[in-house]
Amino acid sequence: MIDNLGLALSHGLIILAAWRLLWRPDLNDDSASPPAADEAAPKLWKGRKGA
């Protein structure tokens, strides 16, 4: 019983997430481009530039 409940719950949540992602209004909007690579990643590593 627990196994079937766990499988149903996990698969149901995956289906719900996919359903919500597919029906987003900006899914097919080309003007909503992702940020550039320099803006997307935070500057966590401050290494030497010449090395």
PDB file of N, CA and C in Angstrom:
ATOM      1  N   MET A   1       0.818  -1.191   0.000  1.00  0.00           N
ATOM      2  CA  MET A   1       0.000   0.000   0.000  1.00  0.00           C
ATOM      3  C   MET A   1       0.865   1.260   0.000  1.00  0.00           C
ATOM      4  N   ILE A   2       1.889   1.263   0.833  1.00  0.00           N
ATOM      5  CA  ILE A   2       2.769   2.433   0.912  1.00  0.00           C
ATOM      6  C   ILE A   2       3.495   2.636  -0.415  1.00  0.00           C
ATOM      7  N   ASP A   3       3.939   1.554  -1.035  1.00  0.00           N
ATOM      8  CA  ASP A   3       4.659   1.668  -2.298  1.00  0.00           C
ATOM      9  C   ASP A   3       3.766   2.277  -3.378  1.00  0.00           C
ATOM     10  N   ASN A   4       2.538   1.804  -3.478  1.00  0.00           N
ATOM     11  CA  ASN A   4       1.632   2.345  -4.489  1.00  0.00           C
ATOM     12  C   ASN A   4       1.296   3.804  -4.202  1.00  0.00           C
ATOM     13  N   LEU A   5       1.120   4.136  -2.952  1.00  0.00           N
ATOM     14  CA  LEU A   5       0.827   5.518  -2.584  1.00  0.00           C
ATOM     15  C   LEU A   5       2.014   6.421  -2.906  1.00  0.00           C
ATOM     16  N   GLY A   6       3.200   5.980  -2.600  1.00  0.00           N
ATOM     17  CA  GLY A   6       4.400   6.765  -2.899  1.00  0.00           C
ATOM     18  C   GLY A   6       4.599   6.961  -4.388  1.00  0.00           C
ATOM     19  N   LEU A   7       4.392   5.919  -5.150  1.00  0.00           N
ATOM     20  CA  LEU A   7       4.517   6.035  -6.606  1.00  0.00           C
ATOM     21  C   LEU A   7       3.458   6.966  -7.181  1.00  0.00           C
ATOM     22  N   ALA A   8       2.230   6.824  -6.732  1.00  0.00           N
ATOM     23  CA  ALA A   8       1.149   7.673  -7.239  1.00  0.00           C
ATOM     24  C   ALA A   8       1.385   9.132  -6.868  1.00  0.00           C
ATOM     25  N   LEU A   9       1.821   9.385  -5.656  1.00  0.00           N
ATOM     26  CA  LEU A   9       2.057  10.753  -5.214  1.00  0.00           C
ATOM     27  C   LEU A   9       3.207  11.396  -5.978  1.00  0.00           C
ATOM     28  N   SER A  10       4.321  10.693  -6.105  1.00  0.00           N
ATOM     29  CA  SER A  10       5.471  11.278  -6.790  1.00  0.00           C
ATOM     30  C   SER A  10       5.181  11.505  -8.275  1.00  0.00           C
ATOM     31  N   HIS A  11       4.557  10.536  -8.921  1.00  0.00           N
ATOM     32  CA  HIS A  11       4.238  10.698 -10.340  1.00  0.00           C
ATOM     33  C   HIS A  11       3.163  11.768 -10.543  1.00  0.00           C
ATOM     34  N   GLY A  12       2.226  11.854  -9.631  1.00  0.00           N
ATOM     35  CA  GLY A  12       1.209  12.890  -9.725  1.00  0.00           C
ATOM     36  C   GLY A  12       1.806  14.283  -9.610  1.00  0.00           C
ATOM     37  N   LEU A  13       2.779  14.457  -8.725  1.00  0.00           N
ATOM     38  CA  LEU A  13       3.427  15.754  -8.586  1.00  0.00           C
ATOM     39  C   LEU A  13       4.258  16.106  -9.812  1.00  0.00           C
ATOM     40  N   ILE A  14       4.907  15.107 -10.408  1.00  0.00           N
ATOM     41  CA  ILE A  14       5.668  15.347 -11.633  1.00  0.00           C
ATOM     42  C   ILE A  14       4.728  15.758 -12.764  1.00  0.00           C
ATOM     43  N   ILE A  15       3.605  15.094 -12.884  1.00  0.00           N
ATOM     44  CA  ILE A  15       2.630  15.440 -13.924  1.00  0.00           C
ATOM     45  C   ILE A  15       2.073  16.839 -13.689  1.00  0.00           C
ATOM     46  N   LEU A  16       1.801  17.168 -12.435  1.00  0.00           N
ATOM     47  CA  LEU A  16       1.298  18.506 -12.115  1.00  0.00           C
ATOM     48  C   LEU A  16       2.327  19.576 -12.469  1.00  0.00           C
ATOM     49  N   ALA A  17       3.597  19.344 -12.163  1.00  0.00           N
ATOM     50  CA  ALA A  17       4.646  20.310 -12.496  1.00  0.00           C
ATOM     51  C   ALA A  17       4.779  20.468 -14.003  1.00  0.00           C
ATOM     52  N   ALA A  18       4.745  19.367 -14.749  1.00  0.00           N
ATOM     53  CA  ALA A  18       4.840  19.443 -16.208  1.00  0.00           C
ATOM     54  C   ALA A  18       3.639  20.176 -16.779  1.00  0.00           C
ATOM     55  N   TRP A  19       2.462  19.922 -16.256  1.00  0.00           N
ATOM     56  CA  TRP A  19       1.242  20.592 -16.729  1.00  0.00           C
ATOM     57  C   TRP A  19       1.336  22.104 -16.518  1.00  0.00           C
ATOM     58  N   ARG A  20       1.815  22.501 -15.345  1.00  0.00           N
ATOM     59  CA  ARG A  20       1.930  23.935 -15.060  1.00  0.00           C
ATOM     60  C   ARG A  20       3.002  24.582 -15.914  1.00  0.00           C
ATOM     61  N   LEU A  21       4.089  23.871 -16.202  1.00  0.00           N
ATOM     62  CA  LEU A  21       5.134  24.429 -17.051  1.00  0.00           C
ATOM     63  C   LEU A  21       4.663  24.581 -18.491  1.00  0.00           C
ATOM     64  N   LEU A  22       3.890  23.631 -18.972  1.00  0.00           N
ATOM     65  CA  LEU A  22       3.430  23.679 -20.359  1.00  0.00           C
ATOM     66  C   LEU A  22       2.422  24.794 -20.599  1.00  0.00           C
ATOM     67  N   TRP A  23       1.683  25.191 -19.602  1.00  0.00           N
ATOM     68  CA  TRP A  23       0.655  26.205 -19.784  1.00  0.00           C
ATOM     69  C   TRP A  23       1.084  27.582 -19.307  1.00  0.00           C
ATOM     70  N   ARG A  24       2.392  27.810 -19.183  1.00  0.00           N
ATOM     71  CA  ARG A  24       2.881  29.149 -18.831  1.00  0.00           C
ATOM     72  C   ARG A  24       2.688  30.089 -20.011  1.00  0.00           C
ATOM     73  N   PRO A  25       2.303  31.343 -19.771  1.00  0.00           N
ATOM     74  CA  PRO A  25       2.073  32.261 -20.891  1.00  0.00           C
ATOM     75  C   PRO A  25       3.356  32.651 -21.617  1.00  0.00           C
ATOM     76  N   ASP A  26       4.501  32.605 -20.949  1.00  0.00           N
ATOM     77  CA  ASP A  26       5.749  33.005 -21.592  1.00  0.00           C
ATOM     78  C   ASP A  26       6.505  31.831 -22.215  1.00  0.00           C
ATOM     79  N   LEU A  27       5.857  30.695 -22.370  1.00  0.00           N
ATOM     80  CA  LEU A  27       6.535  29.519 -22.920  1.00  0.00           C
ATOM     81  C   LEU A  27       6.923  29.727 -24.377  1.00  0.00           C
ATOM     82  N   ASN A  28       6.061  30.341 -25.157  1.00  0.00           N
ATOM     83  CA  ASN A  28       6.322  30.534 -26.583  1.00  0.00           C
ATOM     84  C   ASN A  28       6.546  32.007 -26.905  1.00  0.00           C
ATOM     85  N   ASP A  29       7.087  32.755 -25.961  1.00  0.00           N
ATOM     86  CA  ASP A  29       7.323  34.181 -26.136  1.00  0.00           C
ATOM     87  C   ASP A  29       8.808  34.412 -26.364  1.00  0.00           C
ATOM     88  N   ASP A  30       9.168  34.820 -27.584  1.00  0.00           N
ATOM     89  CA  ASP A  30      10.575  35.014 -27.917  1.00  0.00           C
ATOM     90  C   ASP A  30      11.157  36.266 -27.279  1.00  0.00           C
ATOM     91  N   SER A  31      10.330  37.211 -26.875  1.00  0.00           N
ATOM     92  CA  SER A  31      10.851  38.431 -26.264  1.00  0.00           C
ATOM     93  C   SER A  31      11.339  38.175 -24.836  1.00  0.00           C
ATOM     94  N   ALA A  32      10.919  37.108 -24.228  1.00  0.00           N
ATOM     95  CA  ALA A  32      11.351  36.768 -22.870  1.00  0.00           C
ATOM     96  C   ALA A  32      12.600  35.905 -22.939  1.00  0.00           C
ATOM     97  N   SER A  33      13.703  36.489 -23.389  1.00  0.00           N
ATOM     98  CA  SER A  33      14.944  35.736 -23.540  1.00  0.00           C
ATOM     99  C   SER A  33      15.646  35.615 -22.192  1.00  0.00           C
ATOM    100  N   PRO A  34      16.436  34.582 -22.016  1.00  0.00           N
ATOM    101  CA  PRO A  34      17.168  34.419 -20.749  1.00  0.00           C
ATOM    102  C   PRO A  34      18.262  35.478 -20.641  1.00  0.00           C
ATOM    103  N   PRO A  35      18.701  35.794 -19.442  1.00  0.00           N
ATOM    104  CA  PRO A  35      19.761  36.796 -19.289  1.00  0.00           C
ATOM    105  C   PRO A  35      21.079  36.279 -19.853  1.00  0.00           C
ATOM    106  N   ALA A  36      21.977  37.191 -20.132  1.00  0.00           N
ATOM    107  CA  ALA A  36      23.289  36.808 -20.655  1.00  0.00           C
ATOM    108  C   ALA A  36      24.037  35.995 -19.611  1.00  0.00           C
ATOM    109  N   ALA A  37      25.050  35.275 -20.059  1.00  0.00           N
ATOM    110  CA  ALA A  37      25.797  34.383 -19.160  1.00  0.00           C
ATOM    111  C   ALA A  37      26.472  35.165 -18.039  1.00  0.00           C
ATOM    112  N   ASP A  38      26.943  36.376 -18.327  1.00  0.00           N
ATOM    113  CA  ASP A  38      27.596  37.178 -17.293  1.00  0.00           C
ATOM    114  C   ASP A  38      26.609  37.635 -16.227  1.00  0.00           C
ATOM    115  N   GLU A  39      25.368  37.905 -16.613  1.00  0.00           N
ATOM    116  CA  GLU A  39      24.371  38.367 -15.658  1.00  0.00           C
ATOM    117  C   GLU A  39      23.726  37.213 -14.897  1.00  0.00           C
ATOM    118  N   ALA A  40      23.717  36.014 -15.484  1.00  0.00           N
ATOM    119  CA  ALA A  40      23.010  34.885 -14.888  1.00  0.00           C
ATOM    120  C   ALA A  40      23.750  34.312 -13.688  1.00  0.00           C
ATOM    121  N   ALA A  41      25.062  34.191 -13.788  1.00  0.00           N
ATOM    122  CA  ALA A  41      25.835  33.549 -12.723  1.00  0.00           C
ATOM    123  C   ALA A  41      26.354  34.597 -11.746  1.00  0.00           C
ATOM    124  N   PRO A  42      26.170  34.364 -10.461  1.00  0.00           N
ATOM    125  CA  PRO A  42      26.729  35.301  -9.485  1.00  0.00           C
ATOM    126  C   PRO A  42      28.240  35.153  -9.425  1.00  0.00           C
ATOM    127  N   LYS A  43      28.911  36.211  -9.060  1.00  0.00           N
ATOM    128  CA  LYS A  43      30.367  36.206  -8.972  1.00  0.00           C
ATOM    129  C   LYS A  43      30.783  35.661  -7.603  1.00  0.00           C
ATOM    130  N   LEU A  44      30.901  34.350  -7.505  1.00  0.00           N
ATOM    131  CA  LEU A  44      31.273  33.717  -6.245  1.00  0.00           C
ATOM    132  C   LEU A  44      32.782  33.485  -6.150  1.00  0.00           C
ATOM    133  N   TRP A  45      33.443  33.322  -7.275  1.00  0.00           N
ATOM    134  CA  TRP A  45      34.852  32.993  -7.287  1.00  0.00           C
ATOM    135  C   TRP A  45      35.615  34.206  -7.791  1.00  0.00           C
ATOM    136  N   LYS A  46      36.507  34.699  -6.960  1.00  0.00           N
ATOM    137  CA  LYS A  46      37.341  35.851  -7.348  1.00  0.00           C
ATOM    138  C   LYS A  46      38.777  35.383  -7.448  1.00  0.00           C
ATOM    139  N   GLY A  47      39.060  34.686  -8.515  1.00  0.00           N
ATOM    140  CA  GLY A  47      40.410  34.169  -8.722  1.00  0.00           C
ATOM    141  C   GLY A  47      41.293  35.193  -9.398  1.00  0.00           C
ATOM    142  N   ARG A  48      42.551  34.819  -9.600  1.00  0.00           N
ATOM    143  CA  ARG A  48      43.485  35.713 -10.274  1.00  0.00           C
ATOM    144  C   ARG A  48      43.157  35.741 -11.754  1.00  0.00           C
ATOM    145  N   LYS A  49      43.230  36.903 -12.364  1.00  0.00           N
ATOM    146  CA  LYS A  49      42.882  37.027 -13.773  1.00  0.00           C
ATOM    147  C   LYS A  49      44.009  36.565 -14.672  1.00  0.00           C
ATOM    148  N   GLY A  50      45.238  36.685 -14.276  1.00  0.00           N
ATOM    149  CA  GLY A  50      46.370  36.351 -15.140  1.00  0.00           C
ATOM    150  C   GLY A  50      46.758  34.891 -15.073  1.00  0.00           C
ATOM    151  N   ALA A  51      46.190  34.132 -14.205  1.00  0.00           N
ATOM    152  CA  ALA A  51      46.641  32.747 -14.001  1.00  0.00           C
ATOM    153  C   ALA A  51      46.008  31.787 -14.929  1.00  0.00           C
TER     154      ALA A  51
END
